[in-house]
Amino acid sequence: MRRHDVATPALLLDLDIMDRNIAIMADAISRLGVAARPHAKSHKCVEVARRLVAAGAIGASCATIEEAEAMALGGIPGILITSPIVSPDALARLKRLLLRGADVSVTADNQASIATLDGLAAGIGARLAVIVELDVGVGRTGCREPADAVALARSIAASPHLSFAGVQAYWGNLQQVMPFAERARLVNIQARKLATLIDELKAAGLPPAIVTGAGTGTHVIDAGLGLFTEIQPGSFLFMDSCYGSISISENENPFTPSLFVAATVVSANQPKRVVVNAGFKAFATDSGKPVALRGGPANAIYKFMGDEHGALDFEGKDAPPVGNVIEFLTSHCDPTVNLYSAYHVVRGDEVVDIWPIQGRH
C-alpha cells in the first residue's frame, strides 16, 4: 500500500523520521547525564515504547491506568503512573497489574491516598513504590509546599507495604515559553522549590532516589539543573506545530515532525476553498489549527467545518482535485493520537506496518 492509498482520515507515522528523533534524544540524554523514562501519553503504543527502550530508556511514564496496562501487557519495564490513582476502578486495575508482576510505581500528592495504597499492596503481599509529586506552578496535581511533600514522604516510608521512591516535579506550563532565555528563567524559579524539597527530604533521612519530571520543551534546561535523575519527554517523537515553533535548546530545534493526519478532498465547489474529510473528530482542537503540508495548496489556512469536515482556504487557482490526499501537521500531537486506533507506519511513500494504539481512552 502507498501512503496516499490509506483510508482517510488516518494517522501517518514516518518511521525513519521518528527513529531519527529517538536517536537525537538518546544522544542528548547520554551527554546530559540523566536517565529517560519517556512519556507514553504522547504515543500510547507498545511498539513505540519498545523502540524507546531499545534506544536506552529505562521505562515508560504513563498518565493513565489505560496507558500503564498497555505498556505492562506489552512487556515494557519501569512503568511510572504520573497521575494520582484514587478511583475504585483505577485502583482495581492497578491491583491486577501488580498481581501479574508488572513493574509499576505510582505517584501521590495527598495523605488520604496513602492508607488506600498501603491496603492494596498488603492485600496482594506486594510492596509498592510511591513517588511524591510537588506542584511547581501548574496548579494541577502535586503537594503545594515542600513541607507537605516531606510529610507525605514520611507517611509513605512509615507504611508497611509502601516504599518512598522519590519526587516528581513537572512544569508543564513552561514547556513552550519563548524566548528560550525566558523559559530558562522561569524554570529556575520553580527549580528552587524543588531544590528546597530535596534538601528537606535529605535532612529528614529520606533522600529521594528518583527525581523525575521534565518535558520536550525544557529537558535541556532541566537536565542541566543537577536536580533530576531522569526526565520524561514525549512529544519529541512526533512534534507538532506548537513544538515546531520553539527552540528546544538555546539555538536550535533538532527534532523533525514525523506524525501527520491524512485527509481526502471531498468537495471543491467553493472558489478558493476545498473541503476535506477531517474535522473536529480528526484533530485535537486545544492548541490551534492543523497545517496543510504534503498535497495542500501553498499557504492554505485550515478552518474547522464540523465533526467530519474541514476547509482549506487559499489564494490562487491551483486547487487540489477531489480525491486528492492532503497530509496535515497537527497542532497538538498527544490528544490527536488519542483520536485514532492505529498508526499507519510509512517509509517514504510505502506503508510498511500498522501499529495499534493500545493505550488510548
Protein backbone atom coordinates (compact mmCIF):
# COMPACT_ATOMS: atom_id res chain seq x y z
CA MET A 1 0.00 0.00 0.00
CA ARG A 2 1.18 3.53 -0.78
CA ARG A 3 0.68 6.28 1.78
CA HIS A 4 -1.88 8.06 -0.45
CA ASP A 5 -3.96 4.83 -0.64
CA VAL A 6 -4.72 4.74 3.11
CA ALA A 7 -8.38 5.11 4.05
CA THR A 8 -8.78 8.63 5.44
CA PRO A 9 -8.77 10.30 7.86
CA ALA A 10 -5.74 8.36 9.07
CA LEU A 11 -2.75 8.85 11.32
CA LEU A 12 0.54 8.50 9.42
CA LEU A 13 3.82 7.91 11.23
CA ASP A 14 7.04 8.37 9.28
CA LEU A 15 9.25 5.68 10.78
CA ASP A 16 12.61 6.97 9.57
CA ILE A 17 11.94 10.44 10.97
CA MET A 18 10.70 9.11 14.32
CA ASP A 19 13.73 6.82 14.65
CA ARG A 20 15.97 9.80 13.93
CA ASN A 21 14.20 11.82 16.64
CA ILE A 22 14.71 8.94 19.08
CA ALA A 23 18.42 8.77 18.23
CA ILE A 24 18.81 12.53 18.71
CA MET A 25 17.14 12.37 22.14
CA ALA A 26 19.15 9.29 23.16
CA ASP A 27 22.36 11.12 22.29
CA ALA A 28 21.25 14.22 24.22
CA ILE A 29 20.34 12.17 27.29
CA SER A 30 23.73 10.48 27.23
CA ARG A 31 25.50 13.84 27.06
CA LEU A 32 23.26 15.39 29.74
CA GLY A 33 23.91 12.55 32.19
CA VAL A 34 20.34 11.64 33.11
CA ALA A 35 18.10 8.63 32.52
CA ALA A 36 14.99 8.75 30.33
CA ARG A 37 11.51 7.47 31.10
CA PRO A 38 9.69 8.92 28.04
CA HIS A 39 6.04 9.74 28.46
CA ALA A 40 3.64 7.27 26.84
CA LYS A 41 0.84 9.84 26.85
CA SER A 42 2.36 11.04 23.59
CA HIS A 43 2.33 7.74 21.71
CA LYS A 44 0.20 5.23 23.72
CA CYS A 45 1.74 2.45 21.64
CA VAL A 46 3.73 -0.60 22.76
CA GLU A 47 5.80 -0.75 19.58
CA VAL A 48 6.95 2.85 20.05
CA ALA A 49 7.79 2.14 23.70
CA ARG A 50 9.85 -0.87 22.68
CA ARG A 51 11.89 1.26 20.29
CA LEU A 52 12.50 3.78 23.07
CA VAL A 53 13.66 1.07 25.48
CA ALA A 54 15.92 -0.35 22.77
CA ALA A 55 17.45 3.14 22.49
CA GLY A 56 18.22 3.22 26.21
CA ALA A 57 15.04 4.35 28.00
CA ILE A 58 14.62 2.85 31.49
CA GLY A 59 10.85 2.51 31.11
CA ALA A 60 7.70 4.47 30.37
CA SER A 61 5.88 7.26 32.14
CA CYS A 62 2.10 6.89 31.90
CA ALA A 63 -0.60 9.47 32.58
CA THR A 64 -3.45 6.95 32.87
CA ILE A 65 -4.14 3.42 34.04
CA GLU A 66 -5.03 2.54 30.44
CA GLU A 67 -1.57 3.52 29.27
CA ALA A 68 0.03 1.61 32.14
CA GLU A 69 -1.98 -1.52 31.28
CA ALA A 70 -0.97 -1.31 27.62
CA MET A 71 2.72 -0.88 28.47
CA ALA A 72 2.70 -3.66 31.08
CA LEU A 73 0.94 -6.15 28.82
CA GLY A 74 3.48 -5.25 26.14
CA GLY A 75 6.35 -6.17 28.45
CA ILE A 76 7.65 -2.65 28.98
CA PRO A 77 9.66 -2.31 32.24
CA GLY A 78 9.90 0.62 34.64
CA ILE A 79 6.34 1.94 34.37
CA LEU A 80 5.59 5.08 36.38
CA ILE A 81 1.99 6.28 36.61
CA THR A 82 2.45 10.05 36.83
CA SER A 83 -1.07 11.00 37.95
CA PRO A 84 -2.69 10.04 41.27
CA ILE A 85 -4.55 6.70 41.25
CA VAL A 86 -7.58 7.13 43.50
CA SER A 87 -10.81 5.92 41.84
CA PRO A 88 -12.06 2.40 42.69
CA ASP A 89 -11.79 1.32 39.05
CA ALA A 90 -8.22 2.58 38.66
CA LEU A 91 -7.18 1.00 41.96
CA ALA A 92 -8.68 -2.35 40.96
CA ARG A 93 -6.82 -2.24 37.65
CA LEU A 94 -3.57 -1.29 39.39
CA LYS A 95 -4.06 -4.29 41.69
CA ARG A 96 -4.45 -6.60 38.70
CA LEU A 97 -1.25 -5.24 37.16
CA LEU A 98 0.66 -5.86 40.38
CA LEU A 99 -0.76 -9.38 40.63
CA ARG A 100 0.59 -10.04 37.14
CA GLY A 101 4.01 -8.95 38.34
CA ALA A 102 4.11 -5.74 36.31
CA ASP A 103 6.94 -3.33 37.14
CA VAL A 104 4.73 -0.40 38.16
CA SER A 105 5.17 2.50 40.57
CA VAL A 106 2.77 5.32 41.30
CA THR A 107 2.66 8.97 42.32
CA ALA A 108 0.73 10.52 45.21
CA ASP A 109 0.02 14.03 46.43
CA ASN A 110 -2.28 13.63 49.45
CA GLN A 111 -2.36 11.82 52.77
CA ALA A 112 -5.79 10.28 52.17
CA SER A 113 -4.48 8.03 49.40
CA ILE A 114 -1.60 6.53 51.38
CA ALA A 115 -3.67 4.17 53.54
CA THR A 116 -5.57 3.04 50.45
CA LEU A 117 -2.40 2.28 48.51
CA ASP A 118 -0.89 0.50 51.52
CA GLY A 119 -4.01 -1.62 51.90
CA LEU A 120 -3.97 -2.50 48.21
CA ALA A 121 -0.34 -3.63 48.38
CA ALA A 122 -0.94 -5.53 51.63
CA GLY A 123 -3.86 -7.40 50.10
CA ILE A 124 -1.63 -8.99 47.47
CA GLY A 125 1.54 -9.30 49.51
CA ALA A 126 3.40 -6.75 47.41
CA ARG A 127 5.49 -3.69 48.11
CA LEU A 128 4.51 -0.66 46.07
CA ALA A 129 6.94 2.16 45.23
CA VAL A 130 5.38 5.61 45.59
CA ILE A 131 6.76 8.90 44.30
CA VAL A 132 5.64 12.18 45.88
CA GLU A 133 4.58 14.86 43.42
CA LEU A 134 5.37 18.52 44.08
CA ASP A 135 3.29 21.24 42.42
CA VAL A 136 5.78 23.51 40.66
CA GLY A 137 3.47 26.20 39.35
CA VAL A 138 0.97 24.27 37.26
CA GLY A 139 -1.74 24.20 39.94
CA ARG A 140 -2.98 20.80 38.82
CA THR A 141 -1.70 17.93 40.97
CA GLY A 142 1.11 17.79 43.50
CA CYS A 143 1.75 18.94 47.06
CA ARG A 144 1.58 22.72 47.27
CA GLU A 145 4.59 23.20 49.54
CA PRO A 146 7.82 21.27 50.23
CA ALA A 147 6.74 20.76 53.85
CA ASP A 148 3.58 18.99 52.65
CA ALA A 149 5.65 16.75 50.39
CA VAL A 150 8.04 15.86 53.23
CA ALA A 151 5.11 14.94 55.47
CA LEU A 152 3.71 12.74 52.72
CA ALA A 153 7.09 11.07 52.19
CA ARG A 154 7.25 10.30 55.91
CA SER A 155 3.81 8.65 55.74
CA ILE A 156 4.84 6.55 52.76
CA ALA A 157 8.08 5.47 54.44
CA ALA A 158 6.16 4.50 57.59
CA SER A 159 3.64 2.38 55.69
CA PRO A 160 4.36 -1.35 55.94
CA HIS A 161 3.75 -2.14 52.28
CA LEU A 162 4.89 1.07 50.59
CA SER A 163 8.32 2.44 49.82
CA PHE A 164 9.20 6.07 49.28
CA ALA A 165 10.85 6.13 45.86
CA GLY A 166 11.41 9.80 45.14
CA VAL A 167 9.93 13.03 43.83
CA GLN A 168 8.15 14.18 40.68
CA ALA A 169 8.16 17.82 39.54
CA TYR A 170 6.82 18.79 36.12
CA TRP A 171 6.40 22.39 34.94
CA GLY A 172 4.14 21.63 32.01
CA ASN A 173 3.06 25.25 31.74
CA LEU A 174 6.61 26.27 30.83
CA GLN A 175 7.32 23.81 28.02
CA GLN A 176 6.69 26.21 25.15
CA VAL A 177 7.53 29.59 26.67
CA MET A 178 9.50 31.77 24.27
CA PRO A 179 12.12 33.03 24.01
CA PHE A 180 14.31 30.25 25.33
CA ALA A 181 16.02 32.55 27.85
CA GLU A 182 12.66 33.40 29.42
CA ARG A 183 11.77 29.71 29.62
CA ALA A 184 15.04 29.05 31.42
CA ARG A 185 14.45 31.95 33.82
CA LEU A 186 11.00 30.67 34.78
CA VAL A 187 12.24 27.09 35.15
CA ASN A 188 14.94 28.22 37.54
CA ILE A 189 12.35 29.94 39.74
CA GLN A 190 10.40 26.69 40.14
CA ALA A 191 13.62 24.66 40.43
CA ARG A 192 14.41 26.48 43.68
CA LYS A 193 11.23 25.00 45.16
CA LEU A 194 12.28 21.53 44.04
CA ALA A 195 15.79 22.02 45.43
CA THR A 196 14.30 23.03 48.77
CA LEU A 197 12.24 19.84 48.86
CA ILE A 198 15.25 17.66 48.06
CA ASP A 199 17.26 19.32 50.84
CA GLU A 200 14.44 18.90 53.34
CA LEU A 201 13.99 15.23 52.41
CA LYS A 202 17.70 14.62 52.92
CA ALA A 203 17.52 16.34 56.31
CA ALA A 204 14.61 14.08 57.24
CA GLY A 205 16.64 10.98 56.36
CA LEU A 206 14.64 10.40 53.17
CA PRO A 207 16.95 11.26 50.27
CA PRO A 208 15.00 10.75 47.02
CA ALA A 209 16.49 8.03 44.86
CA ILE A 210 14.43 9.29 41.92
CA VAL A 211 13.80 12.89 40.92
CA THR A 212 11.69 12.81 37.78
CA GLY A 213 9.92 15.25 35.51
CA ALA A 214 10.77 17.43 32.50
CA GLY A 215 9.29 17.54 29.03
CA THR A 216 10.40 18.06 25.46
CA GLY A 217 10.49 21.84 25.76
CA THR A 218 12.56 22.03 28.96
CA HIS A 219 14.58 18.81 29.01
CA VAL A 220 17.87 20.54 28.19
CA ILE A 221 17.32 23.13 30.92
CA ASP A 222 16.06 20.57 33.44
CA ALA A 223 18.92 18.15 32.94
CA GLY A 224 21.39 20.96 33.50
CA LEU A 225 19.95 21.83 36.90
CA GLY A 226 21.71 18.96 38.64
CA LEU A 227 18.44 18.01 40.38
CA PHE A 228 16.82 15.41 38.13
CA THR A 229 17.89 11.78 37.95
CA GLU A 230 15.59 11.13 34.99
CA ILE A 231 13.40 13.01 32.50
CA GLN A 232 10.05 12.28 30.84
CA PRO A 233 9.93 13.94 27.38
CA GLY A 234 7.42 12.53 24.89
CA SER A 235 6.42 14.96 22.15
CA PHE A 236 9.92 14.92 20.63
CA LEU A 237 8.91 11.67 18.94
CA PHE A 238 6.30 13.29 16.72
CA MET A 239 6.48 17.09 17.12
CA ASP A 240 3.58 19.33 16.15
CA SER A 241 3.09 22.90 15.02
CA CYS A 242 3.35 24.25 18.58
CA TYR A 243 6.61 22.49 19.44
CA GLY A 244 7.90 23.11 15.94
CA SER A 245 7.65 26.87 16.51
CA ILE A 246 10.01 26.98 19.52
CA SER A 247 13.69 26.46 20.21
CA ILE A 248 14.32 23.26 22.18
CA SER A 249 17.79 24.44 23.16
CA GLU A 250 19.21 27.94 23.07
CA ASN A 251 19.86 27.95 19.35
CA GLU A 252 18.01 25.10 17.70
CA ASN A 253 15.21 22.59 17.48
CA PRO A 254 16.82 19.33 16.35
CA PHE A 255 13.56 17.36 16.06
CA THR A 256 11.52 16.95 12.87
CA PRO A 257 7.77 16.27 12.53
CA SER A 258 7.07 12.58 11.98
CA LEU A 259 3.31 12.46 12.61
CA PHE A 260 0.66 13.53 10.11
CA VAL A 261 -3.09 13.25 9.59
CA ALA A 262 -4.04 12.24 6.07
CA ALA A 263 -7.36 13.54 4.74
CA THR A 264 -9.08 13.43 1.35
CA VAL A 265 -10.51 16.35 -0.62
CA VAL A 266 -14.24 15.56 -0.82
CA SER A 267 -15.56 18.81 -2.31
CA ALA A 268 -14.16 21.69 -4.38
CA ASN A 269 -17.27 23.65 -5.34
CA GLN A 270 -16.41 26.86 -3.48
CA PRO A 271 -14.00 29.37 -5.02
CA LYS A 272 -10.55 29.31 -3.40
CA ARG A 273 -11.65 26.58 -0.99
CA VAL A 274 -11.54 22.81 -0.84
CA VAL A 275 -13.16 20.66 1.82
CA VAL A 276 -11.51 17.58 3.35
CA ASN A 277 -12.98 14.73 5.39
CA ALA A 278 -11.19 15.65 8.61
CA GLY A 279 -12.82 17.92 11.19
CA PHE A 280 -13.24 18.02 14.95
CA LYS A 281 -13.08 14.21 15.18
CA ALA A 282 -9.74 14.08 13.38
CA PHE A 283 -7.68 16.75 15.18
CA ALA A 284 -7.12 17.98 18.70
CA THR A 285 -8.52 21.49 18.92
CA ASP A 286 -6.92 22.87 22.10
CA SER A 287 -3.79 24.38 20.57
CA GLY A 288 -4.82 25.87 17.26
CA LYS A 289 -5.46 24.57 13.78
CA PRO A 290 -3.71 21.89 11.75
CA VAL A 291 -1.37 22.97 8.97
CA ALA A 292 -1.62 21.54 5.44
CA LEU A 293 1.72 20.21 4.26
CA ARG A 294 2.02 17.49 1.64
CA GLY A 295 -0.54 17.75 -1.17
CA GLY A 296 -2.10 21.01 0.00
CA PRO A 297 -2.22 24.43 -1.66
CA ALA A 298 0.63 26.76 -0.71
CA ASN A 299 -0.11 28.91 2.36
CA ALA A 300 -3.59 27.44 2.78
CA ILE A 301 -5.45 28.15 6.01
CA TYR A 302 -7.47 25.38 7.65
CA LYS A 303 -10.93 26.02 9.09
CA PHE A 304 -12.98 23.53 11.11
CA MET A 305 -16.30 22.89 9.36
CA GLY A 306 -17.89 20.39 11.73
CA ASP A 307 -17.28 16.92 13.09
CA GLU A 308 -16.29 15.31 9.80
CA HIS A 309 -15.10 18.19 7.63
CA GLY A 310 -12.54 20.94 7.39
CA ALA A 311 -11.95 23.63 4.79
CA LEU A 312 -8.70 24.82 3.26
CA ASP A 313 -8.88 28.41 2.09
CA PHE A 314 -6.18 29.56 -0.30
CA GLU A 315 -5.24 32.12 -2.90
CA GLY A 316 -4.51 31.24 -6.48
CA LYS A 317 -6.06 28.87 -8.98
CA ASP A 318 -4.24 25.61 -8.26
CA ALA A 319 -6.89 23.84 -6.21
CA PRO A 320 -6.18 20.19 -5.40
CA PRO A 321 -8.76 17.99 -7.14
CA VAL A 322 -11.49 15.99 -5.46
CA GLY A 323 -9.96 12.71 -4.28
CA ASN A 324 -6.54 14.22 -3.62
CA VAL A 325 -4.96 13.30 -0.28
CA ILE A 326 -3.55 16.10 1.88
CA GLU A 327 -1.32 15.47 4.89
CA PHE A 328 -1.62 17.79 7.88
CA LEU A 329 0.68 18.66 10.75
CA THR A 330 -1.42 18.65 13.92
CA SER A 331 -1.23 21.49 16.43
CA HIS A 332 -1.06 19.12 19.45
CA CYS A 333 0.20 15.60 18.86
CA ASP A 334 -0.76 13.88 22.15
CA PRO A 335 -4.56 14.33 22.09
CA THR A 336 -4.66 13.87 18.32
CA VAL A 337 -3.10 10.42 18.74
CA ASN A 338 -5.86 9.58 21.23
CA LEU A 339 -8.47 10.02 18.46
CA TYR A 340 -7.11 7.09 16.42
CA SER A 341 -6.91 3.34 16.93
CA ALA A 342 -3.72 2.79 14.92
CA TYR A 343 -0.72 4.34 13.20
CA HIS A 344 -0.17 3.70 9.51
CA VAL A 345 3.61 3.45 9.56
CA VAL A 346 5.30 4.72 6.42
CA ARG A 347 8.77 4.78 4.91
CA GLY A 348 8.86 7.19 2.03
CA ASP A 349 5.68 6.54 0.05
CA GLU A 350 5.22 2.97 1.26
CA VAL A 351 3.06 1.80 4.18
CA VAL A 352 5.28 -0.72 5.96
CA ASP A 353 3.20 -1.59 9.03
CA ILE A 354 0.14 -0.78 11.13
CA TRP A 355 0.68 -0.32 14.87
CA PRO A 356 -2.27 -0.38 17.28
CA ILE A 357 -2.58 2.49 19.74
CA GLN A 358 -3.32 0.30 22.75
CA GLY A 359 -3.32 2.98 25.46
CA ARG A 360 -5.95 5.34 24.04
CA HIS A 361 -9.00 6.02 26.18
